[in-house]
């Protein structure tokens, strides 16, 4: 039986409230679970002590039994110091999108045209006057 430590949603529409539970991975998100390990209230301020509450002894017990935490619960456990911090690399997050790349290329082309115009040798003033008189 593959056990997971995950979030089970509660609360009403637009007012989420989650229970941190140990459940069989085959059960539905809000379905049957073995044990409630804590709560998570995302509507509270990030520095509020009641935002995440966990029974750390029971969480450690389930981790020792082989339960794997989901990504969000793993982050909470890392913040609590129960799990070692993982290195995460989202390599695509820092790269600009297609439109941003296109805008940057257009801006660079315009800047190059302005620089070329500024660096081009200016026509001599005497030649301009002669051309204007003709």
Protein backbone atom coordinates (compact mmCIF):
# COMPACT_ATOMS: atom_id res chain seq x y z
CA UNK A 1 0.00 0.00 0.00
CA UNK A 2 1.61 3.26 -1.16
CA UNK A 3 1.05 5.91 1.50
CA UNK A 4 1.18 9.63 0.88
CA UNK A 5 1.14 12.62 3.16
CA UNK A 6 -1.00 15.12 1.32
CA UNK A 7 -3.59 17.87 1.55
CA UNK A 8 -7.33 17.13 1.71
CA UNK A 9 -9.42 20.16 0.82
CA UNK A 10 -12.13 21.45 3.08
CA UNK A 11 -13.78 24.81 3.52
CA UNK A 12 -16.29 26.49 1.27
CA UNK A 13 -16.08 27.97 -2.18
CA UNK A 14 -13.29 30.60 -2.42
CA UNK A 15 -12.33 29.91 1.23
CA UNK A 16 -9.90 26.96 1.12
CA UNK A 17 -8.90 25.06 4.21
CA UNK A 18 -6.81 21.92 4.04
CA UNK A 19 -6.23 18.97 6.34
CA UNK A 20 -2.77 17.40 6.17
CA UNK A 21 -3.49 13.67 6.08
CA UNK A 22 -1.78 10.32 5.68
CA UNK A 23 -3.73 8.48 2.99
CA UNK A 24 -3.43 5.61 0.56
CA UNK A 25 -2.34 7.06 -2.79
CA UNK A 26 -5.21 5.28 -4.56
CA UNK A 27 -7.87 7.15 -2.57
CA UNK A 28 -9.42 10.39 -3.88
CA UNK A 29 -8.08 13.76 -2.74
CA UNK A 30 -10.85 14.43 -0.24
CA UNK A 31 -11.65 10.77 0.33
CA UNK A 32 -10.76 8.23 2.97
CA UNK A 33 -7.52 8.69 4.91
CA UNK A 34 -5.71 6.82 7.67
CA UNK A 35 -4.90 9.72 9.97
CA UNK A 36 -5.20 13.50 10.16
CA UNK A 37 -1.75 14.96 10.83
CA UNK A 38 -2.45 18.68 10.84
CA UNK A 39 -4.08 21.64 9.10
CA UNK A 40 -3.15 24.28 6.54
CA UNK A 41 -5.11 27.54 6.25
CA UNK A 42 -3.81 29.44 3.17
CA UNK A 43 -6.12 32.40 3.79
CA UNK A 44 -4.15 33.38 6.91
CA UNK A 45 -1.10 35.65 6.73
CA UNK A 46 2.19 33.92 5.90
CA UNK A 47 3.69 34.81 9.26
CA UNK A 48 0.65 33.61 11.24
CA UNK A 49 1.49 30.67 13.51
CA UNK A 50 -1.92 29.05 12.82
CA UNK A 51 -1.36 28.91 9.04
CA UNK A 52 0.31 25.48 9.21
CA UNK A 53 -0.15 23.17 12.20
CA UNK A 54 1.28 19.64 12.22
CA UNK A 55 1.71 16.85 14.75
CA UNK A 56 5.42 16.36 14.02
CA UNK A 57 5.68 13.07 15.94
CA UNK A 58 2.99 11.47 13.79
CA UNK A 59 4.40 12.99 10.59
CA UNK A 60 7.80 11.52 11.45
CA UNK A 61 6.16 8.16 12.17
CA UNK A 62 4.52 8.08 8.72
CA UNK A 63 7.74 9.19 7.03
CA UNK A 64 9.53 6.32 8.80
CA UNK A 65 6.81 3.96 7.56
CA UNK A 66 7.64 4.97 3.98
CA UNK A 67 4.96 7.57 3.27
CA UNK A 68 6.01 10.09 0.63
CA UNK A 69 4.91 13.71 1.01
CA UNK A 70 3.45 15.58 -1.94
CA UNK A 71 5.33 18.62 -3.27
CA UNK A 72 3.37 21.18 -1.22
CA UNK A 73 3.55 19.15 1.99
CA UNK A 74 7.26 18.52 1.40
CA UNK A 75 7.83 22.29 1.28
CA UNK A 76 5.96 22.69 4.58
CA UNK A 77 8.07 19.94 6.15
CA UNK A 78 11.25 21.59 4.84
CA UNK A 79 10.19 24.86 6.44
CA UNK A 80 9.54 23.01 9.71
CA UNK A 81 12.98 21.36 9.52
CA UNK A 82 11.73 17.76 9.29
CA UNK A 83 12.96 17.14 5.76
CA UNK A 84 16.26 18.28 4.23
CA UNK A 85 15.89 21.11 1.74
CA UNK A 86 15.84 19.98 -1.90
CA UNK A 87 17.55 21.81 -4.72
CA UNK A 88 14.91 22.79 -7.24
CA UNK A 89 15.78 24.04 -10.68
CA UNK A 90 13.06 25.38 -12.92
CA UNK A 91 15.30 26.15 -15.84
CA UNK A 92 12.52 27.44 -18.09
CA UNK A 93 11.12 29.89 -15.53
CA UNK A 94 13.87 32.46 -16.08
CA UNK A 95 13.78 32.41 -19.87
CA UNK A 96 11.67 35.08 -21.59
CA UNK A 97 8.67 34.08 -23.71
CA UNK A 98 8.29 34.41 -27.47
CA UNK A 99 6.79 37.89 -27.43
CA UNK A 100 9.39 39.22 -25.01
CA UNK A 101 12.20 37.89 -27.21
CA UNK A 102 10.57 39.48 -30.28
CA UNK A 103 10.21 42.86 -28.50
CA UNK A 104 13.83 42.75 -27.34
CA UNK A 105 15.04 42.05 -30.90
CA UNK A 106 12.96 44.95 -32.29
CA UNK A 107 14.26 47.28 -29.58
CA UNK A 108 17.85 46.26 -30.32
CA UNK A 109 17.32 46.85 -34.06
CA UNK A 110 15.88 50.34 -33.42
CA UNK A 111 18.76 51.21 -31.09
CA UNK A 112 21.28 50.02 -33.69
CA UNK A 113 19.63 52.22 -36.35
CA UNK A 114 19.80 55.24 -34.02
CA UNK A 115 23.47 54.56 -33.22
CA UNK A 116 24.32 54.16 -36.93
CA UNK A 117 22.60 57.46 -37.74
CA UNK A 118 24.47 59.24 -34.96
CA UNK A 119 27.83 57.80 -36.02
CA UNK A 120 27.37 58.43 -39.76
CA UNK A 121 29.59 61.21 -41.12
CA UNK A 122 27.58 64.39 -41.41
CA UNK A 123 27.58 66.22 -44.76
CA UNK A 124 29.76 69.30 -44.80
CA UNK A 125 27.80 72.56 -44.23
CA UNK A 126 29.23 74.19 -47.37
CA UNK A 127 27.95 71.34 -49.51
CA UNK A 128 24.49 71.64 -47.95
CA UNK A 129 24.37 75.42 -48.71
CA UNK A 130 25.45 74.85 -52.31
CA UNK A 131 22.77 72.21 -52.74
CA UNK A 132 20.16 74.49 -51.21
CA UNK A 133 21.01 77.41 -53.58
CA UNK A 134 20.61 75.32 -56.73
